[in-house]
């Protein structure tokens, strides 16, 4: 991604959402990612290491 792509993306996001909504959106996304990561970790722990019976 070229640097000007990032600048254009930031400008579009500011126009669409407005600067007042951005902190709320970022907070919401952060909380969602935290919940998602915890659920993925719980799923991995539930599966646990699979052991094979040598017989």
N, C-alpha and C. Protein backbone atom coordinates (compact mmCIF):
# COMPACT_ATOMS: atom_id res chain seq x y z
N UNK A 1 0.84 -1.17 0.00
CA UNK A 1 0.00 0.00 0.00
C UNK A 1 0.89 1.24 0.00
N UNK A 2 0.62 2.11 -0.90
CA UNK A 2 1.42 3.33 -1.00
C UNK A 2 0.96 4.35 0.04
N UNK A 3 1.86 5.26 0.42
CA UNK A 3 1.51 6.24 1.46
C UNK A 3 0.29 7.09 1.10
N UNK A 4 0.11 7.42 -0.14
CA UNK A 4 -1.03 8.27 -0.49
C UNK A 4 -2.34 7.51 -0.38
N UNK A 5 -2.30 6.16 -0.48
CA UNK A 5 -3.50 5.36 -0.26
C UNK A 5 -3.99 5.52 1.18
N UNK A 6 -3.06 5.52 2.09
CA UNK A 6 -3.41 5.66 3.51
C UNK A 6 -4.00 7.04 3.77
N UNK A 7 -3.43 8.07 3.17
CA UNK A 7 -3.94 9.43 3.34
C UNK A 7 -5.36 9.53 2.80
N UNK A 8 -5.61 8.99 1.63
CA UNK A 8 -6.95 9.02 1.04
C UNK A 8 -7.93 8.25 1.93
N UNK A 9 -7.52 7.10 2.44
CA UNK A 9 -8.37 6.31 3.31
C UNK A 9 -8.73 7.08 4.58
N UNK A 10 -7.77 7.74 5.18
CA UNK A 10 -8.03 8.53 6.38
C UNK A 10 -9.00 9.67 6.09
N UNK A 11 -8.84 10.34 4.97
CA UNK A 11 -9.74 11.44 4.60
C UNK A 11 -11.16 10.93 4.39
N UNK A 12 -11.30 9.80 3.71
CA UNK A 12 -12.63 9.23 3.47
C UNK A 12 -13.29 8.84 4.79
N UNK A 13 -12.54 8.23 5.68
CA UNK A 13 -13.09 7.83 6.98
C UNK A 13 -13.53 9.06 7.76
N UNK A 14 -12.73 10.12 7.74
CA UNK A 14 -13.11 11.36 8.44
C UNK A 14 -14.37 11.97 7.85
N UNK A 15 -14.50 11.92 6.54
CA UNK A 15 -15.69 12.50 5.90
C UNK A 15 -16.93 11.66 6.23
N UNK A 16 -16.80 10.35 6.16
CA UNK A 16 -17.96 9.47 6.37
C UNK A 16 -18.41 9.48 7.83
N UNK A 17 -17.49 9.32 8.76
CA UNK A 17 -17.86 9.17 10.15
C UNK A 17 -17.77 10.47 10.95
N UNK A 18 -16.96 11.39 10.53
CA UNK A 18 -16.77 12.61 11.30
C UNK A 18 -15.79 12.38 12.43
N UNK A 19 -15.10 13.43 12.82
CA UNK A 19 -14.05 13.28 13.82
C UNK A 19 -14.62 13.00 15.21
N UNK A 20 -15.85 13.37 15.48
CA UNK A 20 -16.43 13.15 16.81
C UNK A 20 -16.73 11.68 17.06
N UNK A 21 -17.06 10.93 16.03
CA UNK A 21 -17.43 9.52 16.19
C UNK A 21 -16.22 8.58 16.21
N UNK A 22 -15.08 9.02 15.73
CA UNK A 22 -13.93 8.12 15.61
C UNK A 22 -13.47 7.51 16.94
N UNK A 23 -13.38 8.26 18.03
CA UNK A 23 -12.97 7.61 19.29
C UNK A 23 -13.95 6.53 19.74
N UNK A 24 -15.25 6.77 19.56
CA UNK A 24 -16.25 5.76 19.93
C UNK A 24 -16.11 4.51 19.08
N UNK A 25 -15.88 4.70 17.80
CA UNK A 25 -15.72 3.56 16.89
C UNK A 25 -14.47 2.76 17.25
N UNK A 26 -13.37 3.47 17.53
CA UNK A 26 -12.12 2.79 17.89
C UNK A 26 -12.29 2.03 19.20
N UNK A 27 -12.95 2.61 20.17
CA UNK A 27 -13.18 1.94 21.46
C UNK A 27 -14.02 0.68 21.27
N UNK A 28 -15.07 0.81 20.47
CA UNK A 28 -15.95 -0.32 20.21
C UNK A 28 -15.20 -1.45 19.50
N UNK A 29 -14.39 -1.10 18.53
CA UNK A 29 -13.62 -2.12 17.81
C UNK A 29 -12.61 -2.79 18.73
N UNK A 30 -11.98 -2.02 19.62
CA UNK A 30 -11.02 -2.58 20.56
C UNK A 30 -11.68 -3.57 21.50
N UNK A 31 -12.85 -3.22 22.02
CA UNK A 31 -13.57 -4.13 22.91
C UNK A 31 -14.00 -5.40 22.16
N UNK A 32 -14.43 -5.24 20.92
CA UNK A 32 -14.83 -6.39 20.13
C UNK A 32 -13.65 -7.33 19.88
N UNK A 33 -12.50 -6.76 19.58
CA UNK A 33 -11.31 -7.59 19.35
C UNK A 33 -10.89 -8.30 20.62
N UNK A 34 -11.03 -7.64 21.77
CA UNK A 34 -10.67 -8.27 23.03
C UNK A 34 -11.56 -9.49 23.30
N UNK A 35 -12.86 -9.34 23.06
CA UNK A 35 -13.80 -10.44 23.26
C UNK A 35 -13.49 -11.56 22.27
N UNK A 36 -13.23 -11.20 21.02
CA UNK A 36 -12.93 -12.20 19.98
C UNK A 36 -11.69 -13.00 20.35
N UNK A 37 -10.62 -12.32 20.76
CA UNK A 37 -9.39 -13.01 21.12
C UNK A 37 -9.61 -13.95 22.30
N UNK A 38 -10.40 -13.51 23.28
CA UNK A 38 -10.67 -14.36 24.45
C UNK A 38 -11.45 -15.60 24.04
N UNK A 39 -12.43 -15.44 23.16
CA UNK A 39 -13.21 -16.59 22.70
C UNK A 39 -12.35 -17.57 21.91
N UNK A 40 -11.47 -17.07 21.08
CA UNK A 40 -10.58 -17.94 20.31
C UNK A 40 -9.65 -18.71 21.26
N UNK A 41 -9.13 -18.00 22.27
CA UNK A 41 -8.26 -18.65 23.24
C UNK A 41 -9.02 -19.72 24.01
N UNK A 42 -10.25 -19.44 24.41
CA UNK A 42 -11.07 -20.43 25.12
C UNK A 42 -11.34 -21.65 24.25
N UNK A 43 -11.59 -21.43 22.96
CA UNK A 43 -11.83 -22.55 22.06
C UNK A 43 -10.59 -23.43 21.94
N UNK A 44 -9.42 -22.80 21.86
CA UNK A 44 -8.18 -23.58 21.75
C UNK A 44 -7.93 -24.38 23.03
N UNK A 45 -8.24 -23.78 24.18
CA UNK A 45 -8.05 -24.49 25.44
C UNK A 45 -9.03 -25.65 25.56
N UNK A 46 -10.25 -25.48 25.05
CA UNK A 46 -11.24 -26.56 25.09
C UNK A 46 -10.80 -27.76 24.26
N UNK A 47 -10.19 -27.47 23.09
CA UNK A 47 -9.71 -28.55 22.24
C UNK A 47 -8.57 -29.29 22.92
N UNK A 48 -7.66 -28.55 23.48
CA UNK A 48 -6.52 -29.13 24.18
C UNK A 48 -5.63 -29.93 23.24
N UNK A 49 -4.51 -30.36 23.76
CA UNK A 49 -3.62 -31.18 22.92
C UNK A 49 -4.22 -32.58 22.76
N UNK A 50 -4.28 -33.00 21.54
CA UNK A 50 -4.82 -34.34 21.26
C UNK A 50 -3.71 -35.37 21.42
N UNK A 51 -3.98 -36.36 22.25
CA UNK A 51 -2.99 -37.42 22.45
C UNK A 51 -3.51 -38.68 21.78
N UNK A 52 -2.60 -39.36 21.12
CA UNK A 52 -2.98 -40.60 20.43
C UNK A 52 -2.61 -41.80 21.29
N UNK A 53 -3.45 -42.78 21.27
CA UNK A 53 -3.18 -44.02 22.00
C UNK A 53 -2.18 -44.83 21.20
N UNK A 54 -1.05 -45.22 21.81
CA UNK A 54 -0.02 -45.94 21.03
C UNK A 54 -0.44 -47.33 20.62
N UNK A 55 -1.51 -47.89 21.15
CA UNK A 55 -1.87 -49.26 20.79
C UNK A 55 -2.71 -49.35 19.56
